[in-house]
Amino acid sequence: MVFVLVIAAETLISRVLEEAVGRIAKKVAEGKKLSDQEIVILYLDIIMRSNERRFEAIDKRFEAMDKRFDDLKAYVDKRFEAVDKKFDDLKAYVDKRFDDLKAYVDKRFEAVDKKFDDLKDYVDRRFIDLKEYVDKRFEAVDKRFESLEKRIEDLKGYVDKGLEAVDKRLESLERRVELVYNEVSSIKTDIIKMMKEYMERLYGGRRAEETRKG
């Protein structure tokens, strides 16, 4: 408030002095003599103008200082804007590197997943191949067992036929032995009968001769 009043008073004084100096200048131009008061007013005007120039110079220096502060502020703002831009650029760079790294890691994991899938397919194919191979080997073993069983059956049939032939030959032999035995028994009986008759004739004749002699 006081500062405003001072400025208003200075403005009013400057206007009064300016009007007075205008009248004095007109009087000087007319060649009239100036009074002491008018001379004092001229001196005051000179002093006021000098002060105004000084104040203007001070104002200009303040304005220059303000400009320098403004320029410094603008410079600082610009530098901070540059720092902020660097932070933004660094953040963007870090984001890009992270995104690139994430994409790279995802790509590598996709490659690993593909390798797992390929390995699974390969293992499945090898398992199928191995299963088919094992099945074929078991089929071959089964065929060999079947062949062996057939050979055993064939051998059993051959042995059975041989045994049947042996049984038949044994039966035939038994019949022949029985026939021989019967024949031998019959011959034996005939021989005994013949021997008995012979002995009877032999001993019967002797007895009769002895009887006659006696």
N, C-alpha and C. Protein backbone atom coordinates (compact mmCIF):
# COMPACT_ATOMS: atom_id res chain seq x y z
N MET A 1 0.84 -1.20 0.00
CA MET A 1 0.00 0.00 0.00
C MET A 1 0.87 1.25 0.00
N VAL A 2 1.90 1.30 0.84
CA VAL A 2 2.81 2.44 0.93
C VAL A 2 3.57 2.61 -0.38
N PHE A 3 3.98 1.43 -0.96
CA PHE A 3 4.71 1.46 -2.21
C PHE A 3 3.85 2.05 -3.33
N VAL A 4 2.57 1.76 -3.32
CA VAL A 4 1.65 2.30 -4.32
C VAL A 4 1.49 3.81 -4.15
N LEU A 5 1.40 4.25 -2.90
CA LEU A 5 1.28 5.69 -2.64
C LEU A 5 2.53 6.44 -3.07
N VAL A 6 3.70 5.83 -2.84
CA VAL A 6 4.96 6.47 -3.24
C VAL A 6 5.01 6.63 -4.74
N ILE A 7 4.62 5.58 -5.45
CA ILE A 7 4.63 5.63 -6.91
C ILE A 7 3.65 6.69 -7.41
N ALA A 8 2.47 6.77 -6.78
CA ALA A 8 1.48 7.77 -7.18
C ALA A 8 2.01 9.20 -6.92
N ALA A 9 2.69 9.37 -5.80
CA ALA A 9 3.23 10.70 -5.47
C ALA A 9 4.33 11.07 -6.46
N GLU A 10 5.20 10.09 -6.78
CA GLU A 10 6.27 10.37 -7.75
C GLU A 10 5.68 10.70 -9.11
N THR A 11 4.65 10.03 -9.49
CA THR A 11 4.01 10.30 -10.77
C THR A 11 3.40 11.71 -10.80
N LEU A 12 2.74 12.04 -9.69
CA LEU A 12 2.14 13.37 -9.60
C LEU A 12 3.20 14.47 -9.64
N ILE A 13 4.32 14.26 -8.91
CA ILE A 13 5.40 15.26 -8.90
C ILE A 13 6.01 15.39 -10.28
N SER A 14 6.21 14.26 -10.93
CA SER A 14 6.80 14.30 -12.28
C SER A 14 5.89 15.05 -13.23
N ARG A 15 4.58 14.87 -13.11
CA ARG A 15 3.64 15.57 -13.99
C ARG A 15 3.68 17.07 -13.72
N VAL A 16 3.69 17.46 -12.42
CA VAL A 16 3.73 18.88 -12.07
C VAL A 16 5.01 19.52 -12.57
N LEU A 17 6.13 18.80 -12.35
CA LEU A 17 7.41 19.34 -12.81
C LEU A 17 7.43 19.44 -14.33
N GLU A 18 6.84 18.44 -14.98
CA GLU A 18 6.83 18.46 -16.45
C GLU A 18 6.03 19.66 -16.96
N GLU A 19 4.91 19.96 -16.33
CA GLU A 19 4.11 21.13 -16.74
C GLU A 19 4.86 22.43 -16.46
N ALA A 20 5.51 22.46 -15.30
CA ALA A 20 6.24 23.68 -14.92
C ALA A 20 7.43 23.90 -15.84
N VAL A 21 8.13 22.79 -16.14
CA VAL A 21 9.29 22.88 -17.04
C VAL A 21 8.83 23.30 -18.42
N GLY A 22 7.63 22.85 -18.82
CA GLY A 22 7.11 23.26 -20.13
C GLY A 22 6.87 24.74 -20.17
N ARG A 23 6.32 25.31 -19.14
CA ARG A 23 6.09 26.76 -19.09
C ARG A 23 7.42 27.51 -19.06
N ILE A 24 8.39 26.97 -18.27
CA ILE A 24 9.70 27.64 -18.18
C ILE A 24 10.42 27.60 -19.51
N ALA A 25 10.31 26.45 -20.21
CA ALA A 25 10.98 26.33 -21.51
C ALA A 25 10.36 27.31 -22.49
N LYS A 26 9.06 27.49 -22.44
CA LYS A 26 8.39 28.45 -23.31
C LYS A 26 8.88 29.86 -22.99
N LYS A 27 9.06 30.13 -21.71
CA LYS A 27 9.54 31.46 -21.28
C LYS A 27 10.96 31.68 -21.74
N VAL A 28 11.79 30.64 -21.66
CA VAL A 28 13.18 30.77 -22.12
C VAL A 28 13.20 31.00 -23.61
N ALA A 29 12.28 30.29 -24.32
CA ALA A 29 12.23 30.46 -25.77
C ALA A 29 11.80 31.88 -26.13
N GLU A 30 11.03 32.53 -25.27
CA GLU A 30 10.60 33.91 -25.53
C GLU A 30 11.67 34.92 -25.12
N GLY A 31 12.74 34.39 -24.48
CA GLY A 31 13.85 35.28 -24.07
C GLY A 31 13.58 36.00 -22.77
N LYS A 32 12.66 35.48 -22.04
CA LYS A 32 12.35 36.13 -20.77
C LYS A 32 13.29 35.63 -19.69
N LYS A 33 13.46 36.48 -18.66
CA LYS A 33 14.34 36.14 -17.57
C LYS A 33 13.62 35.21 -16.61
N LEU A 34 14.35 34.22 -16.12
CA LEU A 34 13.78 33.23 -15.20
C LEU A 34 13.96 33.68 -13.76
N SER A 35 12.98 33.39 -12.98
CA SER A 35 13.07 33.69 -11.56
C SER A 35 13.88 32.58 -10.87
N ASP A 36 14.25 32.92 -9.63
CA ASP A 36 15.02 31.91 -8.86
C ASP A 36 14.20 30.64 -8.69
N GLN A 37 12.94 30.78 -8.48
CA GLN A 37 12.08 29.61 -8.27
C GLN A 37 12.03 28.75 -9.53
N GLU A 38 11.97 29.45 -10.68
CA GLU A 38 11.95 28.71 -11.94
C GLU A 38 13.29 28.00 -12.17
N ILE A 39 14.38 28.70 -11.79
CA ILE A 39 15.70 28.06 -11.93
C ILE A 39 15.77 26.81 -11.05
N VAL A 40 15.22 26.94 -9.83
CA VAL A 40 15.21 25.79 -8.90
C VAL A 40 14.40 24.65 -9.51
N ILE A 41 13.28 25.06 -10.13
CA ILE A 41 12.44 24.03 -10.75
C ILE A 41 13.19 23.32 -11.87
N LEU A 42 13.94 24.13 -12.67
CA LEU A 42 14.76 23.53 -13.72
C LEU A 42 15.78 22.54 -13.14
N TYR A 43 16.43 23.00 -12.03
CA TYR A 43 17.39 22.09 -11.39
C TYR A 43 16.70 20.83 -10.89
N LEU A 44 15.52 21.04 -10.31
CA LEU A 44 14.77 19.86 -9.83
C LEU A 44 14.42 18.94 -10.99
N ASP A 45 14.05 19.59 -12.14
CA ASP A 45 13.72 18.77 -13.31
C ASP A 45 14.94 17.99 -13.79
N ILE A 46 16.09 18.76 -13.80
CA ILE A 46 17.33 18.06 -14.22
C ILE A 46 17.63 16.90 -13.28
N ILE A 47 17.50 17.20 -11.97
CA ILE A 47 17.78 16.15 -10.97
C ILE A 47 16.81 15.00 -11.14
N MET A 48 15.53 15.35 -11.34
CA MET A 48 14.50 14.32 -11.49
C MET A 48 14.75 13.48 -12.73
N ARG A 49 15.10 14.18 -13.84
CA ARG A 49 15.38 13.45 -15.07
C ARG A 49 16.60 12.54 -14.89
N SER A 50 17.63 13.13 -14.20
CA SER A 50 18.81 12.30 -13.94
C SER A 50 18.46 11.09 -13.09
N ASN A 51 17.65 11.35 -12.08
CA ASN A 51 17.21 10.24 -11.22
C ASN A 51 16.39 9.24 -12.01
N GLU A 52 15.53 9.80 -12.91
CA GLU A 52 14.72 8.90 -13.72
C GLU A 52 15.59 8.01 -14.60
N ARG A 53 16.65 8.69 -15.20
CA ARG A 53 17.55 7.89 -16.03
C ARG A 53 18.25 6.82 -15.20
N ARG A 54 18.63 7.25 -13.98
CA ARG A 54 19.29 6.27 -13.10
C ARG A 54 18.33 5.15 -12.72
N PHE A 55 17.11 5.65 -12.35
CA PHE A 55 16.12 4.61 -12.02
C PHE A 55 15.82 3.72 -13.23
N GLU A 56 15.75 4.37 -14.41
CA GLU A 56 15.54 3.57 -15.62
C GLU A 56 16.68 2.57 -15.82
N ALA A 57 17.92 3.11 -15.57
CA ALA A 57 19.08 2.21 -15.68
C ALA A 57 18.98 1.08 -14.66
N ILE A 58 18.58 1.49 -13.40
CA ILE A 58 18.41 0.45 -12.38
C ILE A 58 17.31 -0.53 -12.79
N ASP A 59 16.22 0.09 -13.34
CA ASP A 59 15.12 -0.79 -13.80
C ASP A 59 15.60 -1.73 -14.90
N LYS A 60 16.40 -1.12 -15.81
CA LYS A 60 16.92 -1.95 -16.89
C LYS A 60 17.82 -3.05 -16.34
N ARG A 61 18.64 -2.65 -15.32
CA ARG A 61 19.50 -3.68 -14.72
C ARG A 61 18.67 -4.76 -14.02
N PHE A 62 17.61 -4.26 -13.33
CA PHE A 62 16.71 -5.25 -12.73
C PHE A 62 16.04 -6.12 -13.80
N GLU A 63 15.62 -5.39 -14.88
CA GLU A 63 15.00 -6.14 -15.96
C GLU A 63 16.00 -7.13 -16.57
N ALA A 64 17.27 -6.61 -16.71
CA ALA A 64 18.29 -7.52 -17.24
C ALA A 64 18.53 -8.68 -16.29
N MET A 65 18.53 -8.32 -14.98
CA MET A 65 18.71 -9.38 -13.99
C MET A 65 17.54 -10.35 -14.01
N ASP A 66 16.32 -9.74 -14.12
CA ASP A 66 15.14 -10.61 -14.22
C ASP A 66 15.24 -11.49 -15.47
N LYS A 67 15.72 -10.84 -16.57
CA LYS A 67 15.85 -11.61 -17.80
C LYS A 67 16.88 -12.73 -17.61
N ARG A 68 17.98 -12.35 -16.91
CA ARG A 68 18.99 -13.38 -16.68
C ARG A 68 18.42 -14.50 -15.81
N PHE A 69 17.62 -14.09 -14.79
CA PHE A 69 16.96 -15.14 -13.99
C PHE A 69 16.00 -15.95 -14.84
N ASP A 70 15.25 -15.19 -15.70
CA ASP A 70 14.32 -15.90 -16.59
C ASP A 70 15.08 -16.83 -17.54
N ASP A 71 16.21 -16.25 -18.07
CA ASP A 71 17.02 -17.08 -18.95
C ASP A 71 17.61 -18.28 -18.21
N LEU A 72 18.07 -18.00 -16.97
CA LEU A 72 18.62 -19.09 -16.17
C LEU A 72 17.55 -20.14 -15.86
N LYS A 73 16.34 -19.62 -15.53
CA LYS A 73 15.24 -20.54 -15.27
C LYS A 73 14.91 -21.35 -16.53
N ALA A 74 14.88 -20.62 -17.67
CA ALA A 74 14.60 -21.32 -18.94
C ALA A 74 15.69 -22.35 -19.23
N TYR A 75 16.98 -21.92 -18.93
CA TYR A 75 18.10 -22.85 -19.14
C TYR A 75 17.97 -24.07 -18.23
N VAL A 76 17.65 -23.77 -16.93
CA VAL A 76 17.48 -24.88 -15.98
C VAL A 76 16.32 -25.77 -16.41
N ASP A 77 15.21 -25.09 -16.82
CA ASP A 77 14.06 -25.88 -17.28
C ASP A 77 14.44 -26.73 -18.49
N LYS A 78 15.20 -26.10 -19.40
CA LYS A 78 15.62 -26.83 -20.58
C LYS A 78 16.51 -28.01 -20.21
N ARG A 79 17.45 -27.74 -19.24
CA ARG A 79 18.32 -28.83 -18.80
C ARG A 79 17.53 -29.93 -18.12
N PHE A 80 16.55 -29.50 -17.27
CA PHE A 80 15.72 -30.52 -16.62
C PHE A 80 14.86 -31.26 -17.64
N GLU A 81 14.38 -30.49 -18.65
CA GLU A 81 13.63 -31.16 -19.71
C GLU A 81 14.52 -32.18 -20.43
N ALA A 82 15.79 -31.79 -20.64
CA ALA A 82 16.74 -32.72 -21.26
C ALA A 82 16.96 -33.93 -20.35
N VAL A 83 17.08 -33.63 -19.00
CA VAL A 83 17.24 -34.76 -18.05
C VAL A 83 16.00 -35.64 -18.06
N ASP A 84 14.82 -34.97 -18.04
CA ASP A 84 13.57 -35.75 -18.09
C ASP A 84 13.50 -36.58 -19.38
N LYS A 85 13.93 -35.95 -20.49
CA LYS A 85 13.93 -36.68 -21.77
C LYS A 85 14.88 -37.86 -21.70
N LYS A 86 16.05 -37.62 -21.04
CA LYS A 86 16.99 -38.74 -20.90
C LYS A 86 16.37 -39.86 -20.07
N PHE A 87 15.66 -39.45 -18.97
CA PHE A 87 14.97 -40.47 -18.17
C PHE A 87 13.93 -41.20 -19.02
N ASP A 88 13.15 -40.39 -19.78
CA ASP A 88 12.14 -41.02 -20.65
C ASP A 88 12.79 -41.93 -21.68
N ASP A 89 13.89 -41.41 -22.30
CA ASP A 89 14.59 -42.22 -23.29
C ASP A 89 15.18 -43.47 -22.65
N LEU A 90 15.74 -43.29 -21.43
CA LEU A 90 16.30 -44.45 -20.74
C LEU A 90 15.21 -45.45 -20.38
N LYS A 91 14.06 -44.93 -19.92
CA LYS A 91 12.94 -45.82 -19.61
C LYS A 91 12.47 -46.55 -20.86
N ALA A 92 12.36 -45.77 -21.97
CA ALA A 92 11.95 -46.40 -23.23
C ALA A 92 12.98 -47.44 -23.67
N TYR A 93 14.28 -47.09 -23.48
CA TYR A 93 15.35 -48.03 -23.85
C TYR A 93 15.27 -49.30 -23.00
N VAL A 94 15.09 -49.08 -21.66
CA VAL A 94 14.98 -50.24 -20.77
C VAL A 94 13.76 -51.08 -21.12
N ASP A 95 12.61 -50.40 -21.38
CA ASP A 95 11.40 -51.14 -21.78
C ASP A 95 11.64 -51.93 -23.05
N LYS A 96 12.30 -51.27 -24.02
CA LYS A 96 12.57 -51.96 -25.29
C LYS A 96 13.50 -53.15 -25.07
N ARG A 97 14.56 -52.94 -24.25
CA ARG A 97 15.48 -54.05 -24.00
C ARG A 97 14.78 -55.18 -23.27
N PHE A 98 13.91 -54.81 -22.29
CA PHE A 98 13.16 -55.85 -21.58
C PHE A 98 12.21 -56.57 -22.53
N ASP A 99 11.52 -55.78 -23.38
CA ASP A 99 10.62 -56.40 -24.36
C ASP A 99 11.39 -57.29 -25.32
N ASP A 100 12.55 -56.77 -25.79
CA ASP A 100 13.37 -57.58 -26.69
C ASP A 100 13.86 -58.85 -25.99
N LEU A 101 14.29 -58.68 -24.72
CA LEU A 101 14.77 -59.83 -23.96
C LEU A 101 13.64 -60.83 -23.72
N LYS A 102 12.44 -60.29 -23.38
CA LYS A 102 11.29 -61.17 -23.17
C LYS A 102 10.95 -61.90 -24.46
N ALA A 103 10.97 -61.15 -25.59
CA ALA A 103 10.69 -61.80 -26.88
C ALA A 103 11.75 -62.85 -27.18
N TYR A 104 13.02 -62.53 -26.85
CA TYR A 104 14.10 -63.50 -27.09
C TYR A 104 13.92 -64.74 -26.22
N VAL A 105 13.60 -64.50 -24.93
CA VAL A 105 13.39 -65.63 -24.02
C VAL A 105 12.19 -66.46 -24.47
N ASP A 106 11.10 -65.77 -24.87
CA ASP A 106 9.92 -66.49 -25.37
C ASP A 106 10.28 -67.32 -26.59
N LYS A 107 11.08 -66.72 -27.48
CA LYS A 107 11.49 -67.43 -28.70
C LYS A 107 12.33 -68.65 -28.35
N ARG A 108 13.25 -68.48 -27.38
CA ARG A 108 14.08 -69.62 -26.99
C ARG A 108 13.24 -70.70 -26.34
N PHE A 109 12.27 -70.29 -25.49
CA PHE A 109 11.40 -71.28 -24.86
C PHE A 109 10.52 -71.97 -25.91
N GLU A 110 10.07 -71.18 -26.91
CA GLU A 110 9.31 -71.80 -28.00
C GLU A 110 10.16 -72.85 -28.72
N ALA A 111 11.45 -72.50 -28.90
CA ALA A 111 12.36 -73.47 -29.53
C ALA A 111 12.52 -74.70 -28.65
N VAL A 112 12.63 -74.46 -27.32
CA VAL A 112 12.75 -75.60 -26.38
C VAL A 112 11.47 -76.44 -26.41
N ASP A 113 10.31 -75.75 -26.40
CA ASP A 113 9.04 -76.49 -26.48
C ASP A 113 8.97 -77.32 -27.76
N LYS A 114 9.42 -76.70 -28.88
CA LYS A 114 9.40 -77.44 -30.15
C LYS A 114 10.33 -78.65 -30.07
N LYS A 115 11.50 -78.44 -29.44
CA LYS A 115 12.42 -79.58 -29.29
C LYS A 115 11.79 -80.67 -28.43
N PHE A 116 11.07 -80.27 -27.36
CA PHE A 116 10.38 -81.27 -26.54
C PHE A 116 9.33 -82.00 -27.37
N ASP A 117 8.56 -81.22 -28.17
CA ASP A 117 7.54 -81.86 -29.02
C ASP A 117 8.18 -82.80 -30.03
N ASP A 118 9.27 -82.31 -30.65
CA ASP A 118 9.97 -83.17 -31.62
C ASP A 118 10.53 -84.41 -30.94
N LEU A 119 11.10 -84.21 -29.72
CA LEU A 119 11.64 -85.35 -28.99
C LEU A 119 10.54 -86.32 -28.62
N LYS A 120 9.36 -85.78 -28.21
CA LYS A 120 8.25 -86.64 -27.87
C LYS A 120 7.81 -87.44 -29.10
N ASP A 121 7.70 -86.74 -30.25
CA ASP A 121 7.33 -87.44 -31.48
C ASP A 121 8.37 -88.49 -31.83
N TYR A 122 9.64 -88.13 -31.66
CA TYR A 122 10.71 -89.07 -31.97
C TYR A 122 10.65 -90.29 -31.05
N VAL A 123 10.45 -90.01 -29.73
CA VAL A 123 10.35 -91.12 -28.76
C VAL A 123 9.13 -91.98 -29.07
N ASP A 124 8.01 -91.32 -29.43
CA ASP A 124 6.81 -92.09 -29.77
C ASP A 124 7.07 -92.98 -30.98
N ARG A 125 7.73 -92.39 -32.01
CA ARG A 125 8.03 -93.19 -33.20
C ARG A 125 8.97 -94.34 -32.86
N ARG A 126 10.01 -94.03 -32.05
CA ARG A 126 10.93 -95.09 -31.67
C ARG A 126 10.25 -96.13 -30.81
N PHE A 127 9.33 -95.67 -29.93
CA PHE A 127 8.59 -96.62 -29.11
C PHE A 127 7.74 -97.54 -29.99
N ILE A 128 7.07 -96.91 -30.98
CA ILE A 128 6.25 -97.72 -31.90
C ILE A 128 7.13 -98.69 -32.67
N ASP A 129 8.28 -98.17 -33.17
CA ASP A 129 9.20 -99.05 -33.90
C ASP A 129 9.70 -100.18 -33.01
N LEU A 130 10.06 -99.81 -31.76
CA LEU A 130 10.55 -100.83 -30.83
C LEU A 130 9.46 -101.83 -30.51
N LYS A 131 8.23 -101.33 -30.30
CA LYS A 131 7.11 -102.23 -30.01
C LYS A 131 6.87 -103.18 -31.19
N GLU A 132 6.90 -102.61 -32.41
CA GLU A 132 6.72 -103.47 -33.58
C GLU A 132 7.86 -104.48 -33.68
N TYR A 133 9.09 -104.00 -33.38
CA TYR A 133 10.24 -104.92 -33.43
C TYR A 133 10.09 -106.03 -32.39
N VAL A 134 9.70 -105.64 -31.15
CA VAL A 134 9.52 -106.64 -30.09
C VAL A 134 8.39 -107.60 -30.45
N ASP A 135 7.29 -107.01 -31.00
CA ASP A 135 6.17 -107.88 -31.41
C ASP A 135 6.62 -108.88 -32.47
N LYS A 136 7.40 -108.40 -33.44
CA LYS A 136 7.90 -109.30 -34.48
C LYS A 136 8.81 -110.37 -33.88
N ARG A 137 9.66 -109.95 -32.94
CA ARG A 137 10.53 -110.94 -32.31
C ARG A 137 9.73 -111.96 -31.53
N PHE A 138 8.69 -111.47 -30.81
CA PHE A 138 7.84 -112.42 -30.08
C PHE A 138 7.06 -113.30 -31.05
N GLU A 139 6.61 -112.70 -32.15
CA GLU A 139 5.94 -113.52 -33.17
C GLU A 139 6.88 -114.58 -33.71
N ALA A 140 8.15 -114.17 -33.94
CA ALA A 140 9.13 -115.16 -34.41
C ALA A 140 9.34 -116.24 -33.36
N VAL A 141 9.41 -115.82 -32.07
CA VAL A 141 9.55 -116.81 -30.99
C VAL A 141 8.34 -117.71 -30.94
N ASP A 142 7.13 -117.09 -31.08
CA ASP A 142 5.91 -117.90 -31.08
C ASP A 142 5.92 -118.90 -32.23
N LYS A 143 6.35 -118.42 -33.41
CA LYS A 143 6.42 -119.32 -34.56
C LYS A 143 7.41 -120.45 -34.30
N ARG A 144 8.55 -120.11 -33.68
CA ARG A 144 9.52 -121.15 -33.37
C ARG A 144 8.96 -122.13 -32.35
N PHE A 145 8.21 -121.57 -31.34
CA PHE A 145 7.55 -122.48 -30.39
C PHE A 145 6.54 -123.37 -31.11
N GLU A 146 5.77 -122.70 -32.03
CA GLU A 146 4.79 -123.49 -32.77
C GLU A 146 5.48 -124.54 -33.62
N SER A 147 6.61 -124.16 -34.26
CA SER A 147 7.36 -125.12 -35.05
C SER A 147 7.90 -126.24 -34.18
N LEU A 148 8.42 -125.82 -32.99
CA LEU A 148 8.94 -126.82 -32.07
C LEU A 148 7.84 -127.73 -31.57
N GLU A 149 6.69 -127.12 -31.23
CA GLU A 149 5.56 -127.94 -30.78
C GLU A 149 5.11 -128.89 -31.88
N LYS A 150 5.11 -128.36 -33.14
CA LYS A 150 4.72 -129.22 -34.26
C LYS A 150 5.72 -130.36 -34.43
N ARG A 151 7.00 -130.03 -34.28
CA ARG A 151 8.01 -131.09 -34.38
C ARG A 151 7.85 -132.09 -33.26
N ILE A 152 7.52 -131.54 -32.05
CA ILE A 152 7.30 -132.47 -30.92
C ILE A 152 6.09 -133.35 -31.19
N GLU A 153 5.02 -132.67 -31.73
CA GLU A 153 3.83 -133.46 -32.07
C GLU A 153 4.16 -134.50 -33.15
N ASP A 154 4.94 -134.01 -34.16
CA ASP A 154 5.34 -134.95 -35.21
C ASP A 154 6.17 -136.08 -34.63
N LEU A 155 7.10 -135.72 -33.72
CA LEU A 155 7.94 -136.75 -33.09
C LEU A 155 7.09 -137.68 -32.24
N LYS A 156 6.12 -137.09 -31.52
CA LYS A 156 5.23 -137.92 -30.70
C LYS A 156 4.43 -138.87 -31.60
N GLY A 157 3.94 -138.29 -32.74
CA GLY A 157 3.20 -139.15 -33.66
C GLY A 157 4.08 -140.26 -34.20
N TYR A 158 5.35 -139.85 -34.53
CA TYR A 158 6.28 -140.86 -35.04
C TYR A 158 6.57 -141.91 -33.98
N VAL A 159 6.80 -141.43 -32.72
CA VAL A 159 7.06 -142.38 -31.62
C VAL A 159 5.85 -143.26 -31.37
N ASP A 160 4.64 -142.59 -31.40
CA ASP A 160 3.43 -143.39 -31.19
C ASP A 160 3.29 -144.46 -32.26
N LYS A 161 3.55 -144.09 -33.50
CA LYS A 161 3.48 -145.08 -34.59
C LYS A 161 4.52 -146.18 -34.37
N GLY A 162 5.75 -145.73 -33.94
CA GLY A 162 6.79 -146.73 -33.68
C GLY A 162 6.40 -147.66 -32.56
N LEU A 163 5.81 -147.04 -31.49
CA LEU A 163 5.38 -147.86 -30.36
C LEU A 163 4.24 -148.79 -30.77
N GLU A 164 3.33 -148.23 -31.60
CA GLU A 164 2.26 -149.10 -32.10
C GLU A 164 2.84 -150.27 -32.90
N ALA A 165 3.85 -149.93 -33.73
CA ALA A 165 4.49 -151.01 -34.50
C ALA A 165 5.17 -152.00 -33.58
N VAL A 166 5.85 -151.46 -32.53
CA VAL A 166 6.50 -152.35 -31.56
C VAL A 166 5.46 -153.22 -30.84
N ASP A 167 4.34 -152.53 -30.44
CA ASP A 167 3.28 -153.30 -29.77
C ASP A 167 2.76 -154.41 -30.68
N LYS A 168 2.55 -154.03 -31.94
CA LYS A 168 2.07 -155.04 -32.89
C LYS A 168 3.07 -156.17 -33.03
N ARG A 169 4.35 -155.80 -33.13
CA ARG A 169 5.38 -156.83 -33.26
C ARG A 169 5.45 -157.68 -31.99
N LEU A 170 5.29 -156.97 -30.82
CA LEU A 170 5.30 -157.73 -29.56
C LEU A 170 4.10 -158.68 -29.50
N GLU A 171 2.93 -158.14 -29.92
CA GLU A 171 1.74 -159.01 -29.93
C GLU A 171 1.95 -160.20 -30.88
N SER A 172 2.55 -159.86 -32.04
CA SER A 172 2.81 -160.96 -32.99
C SER A 172 3.80 -161.96 -32.40
N LEU A 173 4.84 -161.35 -31.72
CA LEU A 173 5.84 -162.23 -31.11
C LEU A 173 5.23 -163.06 -30.00
N GLU A 174 4.37 -162.41 -29.21
CA GLU A 174 3.70 -163.15 -28.14
C GLU A 174 2.87 -164.30 -28.71
N ARG A 175 2.15 -163.99 -29.80
CA ARG A 175 1.35 -165.06 -30.42
C ARG A 175 2.25 -166.18 -30.93
N ARG A 176 3.37 -165.79 -31.53
CA ARG A 176 4.29 -166.80 -32.06
C ARG A 176 4.89 -167.62 -30.93
N VAL A 177 5.26 -166.88 -29.82
CA VAL A 177 5.81 -167.60 -28.65
C VAL A 177 4.77 -168.55 -28.09
N GLU A 178 3.52 -168.03 -28.04
CA GLU A 178 2.44 -168.88 -27.51
C GLU A 178 2.23 -170.11 -28.40
N LEU A 179 2.33 -169.85 -29.72
CA LEU A 179 2.20 -170.98 -30.66
C LEU A 179 3.34 -171.97 -30.47
N VAL A 180 4.56 -171.40 -30.35
CA VAL A 180 5.73 -172.27 -30.12
C VAL A 180 5.57 -173.03 -28.82
N TYR A 181 5.08 -172.26 -27.79
CA TYR A 181 4.89 -172.91 -26.49
C TYR A 181 3.86 -174.04 -26.59
N ASN A 182 2.82 -173.74 -27.28
CA ASN A 182 1.78 -174.78 -27.45
C ASN A 182 2.32 -175.97 -28.24
N GLU A 183 3.08 -175.60 -29.28
CA GLU A 183 3.66 -176.68 -30.08
C GLU A 183 4.64 -177.51 -29.25
N VAL A 184 5.48 -176.76 -28.50
CA VAL A 184 6.45 -177.47 -27.64
C VAL A 184 5.72 -178.33 -26.61
N SER A 185 4.67 -177.75 -26.02
CA SER A 185 3.88 -178.53 -25.03
C SER A 185 3.28 -179.77 -25.68
N SER A 186 2.79 -179.57 -26.92
CA SER A 186 2.18 -180.70 -27.61
C SER A 186 3.24 -181.74 -27.92
N ILE A 187 4.41 -181.24 -28.40
CA ILE A 187 5.51 -182.16 -28.70
C ILE A 187 5.95 -182.87 -27.43
N LYS A 188 6.04 -182.11 -26.37
CA LYS A 188 6.44 -182.67 -25.08
C LYS A 188 5.48 -183.78 -24.65
N THR A 189 4.23 -183.50 -24.79
CA THR A 189 3.22 -184.51 -24.41
C THR A 189 3.34 -185.74 -25.27
N ASP A 190 3.57 -185.51 -26.57
CA ASP A 190 3.71 -186.65 -27.49
C ASP A 190 4.95 -187.45 -27.17
N ILE A 191 6.02 -186.73 -26.86
CA ILE A 191 7.27 -187.42 -26.53
C ILE A 191 7.10 -188.24 -25.26
N ILE A 192 6.47 -187.63 -24.28
CA ILE A 192 6.25 -188.35 -23.02
C ILE A 192 5.39 -189.59 -23.26
N LYS A 193 4.39 -189.36 -24.08
CA LYS A 193 3.50 -190.51 -24.39
C LYS A 193 4.27 -191.60 -25.12
N MET A 194 5.12 -191.15 -26.07
CA MET A 194 5.91 -192.13 -26.82
C MET A 194 6.91 -192.82 -25.92
N MET A 195 7.54 -192.07 -25.03
CA MET A 195 8.50 -192.65 -24.10
C MET A 195 7.78 -193.62 -23.17
N LYS A 196 6.64 -193.26 -22.75
CA LYS A 196 5.87 -194.11 -21.84
C LYS A 196 5.51 -195.42 -22.54
N GLU A 197 5.08 -195.28 -23.77
CA GLU A 197 4.72 -196.48 -24.53
C GLU A 197 5.95 -197.34 -24.77
N TYR A 198 7.05 -196.61 -25.08
CA TYR A 198 8.28 -197.35 -25.33
C TYR A 198 8.72 -198.08 -24.07
N MET A 199 8.67 -197.42 -22.93
CA MET A 199 9.07 -198.05 -21.67
C MET A 199 8.13 -199.19 -21.33
N GLU A 200 6.88 -198.93 -21.60
CA GLU A 200 5.93 -200.01 -21.30
C GLU A 200 6.20 -201.24 -22.16
N ARG A 201 6.48 -200.97 -23.41
CA ARG A 201 6.78 -202.10 -24.28
C ARG A 201 8.06 -202.75 -23.87
N LEU A 202 9.04 -201.86 -23.53
CA LEU A 202 10.33 -202.43 -23.16
C LEU A 202 10.22 -203.25 -21.88
N TYR A 203 9.71 -202.66 -20.83
CA TYR A 203 9.63 -203.36 -19.56
C TYR A 203 8.53 -204.43 -19.57
N GLY A 204 7.52 -204.23 -20.31
CA GLY A 204 6.44 -205.24 -20.40
C GLY A 204 6.96 -206.51 -21.10
N GLY A 205 7.78 -206.43 -22.07
CA GLY A 205 8.33 -207.58 -22.79
C GLY A 205 9.28 -208.34 -21.91
N ARG A 206 10.08 -207.68 -21.16
CA ARG A 206 11.03 -208.34 -20.26
C ARG A 206 10.27 -209.14 -19.19
N ARG A 207 9.30 -208.58 -18.69
CA ARG A 207 8.53 -209.24 -17.62
C ARG A 207 7.88 -210.54 -18.20
N ALA A 208 7.36 -210.38 -19.37
CA ALA A 208 6.74 -211.58 -19.96
C ALA A 208 7.75 -212.68 -20.20
N GLU A 209 8.94 -212.34 -20.63
CA GLU A 209 10.01 -213.32 -20.87
C GLU A 209 10.44 -213.94 -19.55
N GLU A 210 10.57 -213.13 -18.54
CA GLU A 210 10.94 -213.67 -17.23
C GLU A 210 9.88 -214.62 -16.70
N THR A 211 8.68 -214.30 -16.98
CA THR A 211 7.57 -215.14 -16.52
C THR A 211 7.63 -216.48 -17.22
N ARG A 212 7.94 -216.44 -18.50
CA ARG A 212 8.03 -217.70 -19.22
C ARG A 212 9.22 -218.49 -18.72
N LYS A 213 10.29 -217.91 -18.46
CA LYS A 213 11.45 -218.63 -17.98
C LYS A 213 11.23 -219.23 -16.61
N GLY A 214 10.51 -218.54 -15.85
CA GLY A 214 10.27 -219.01 -14.49
C GLY A 214 9.35 -220.18 -14.45
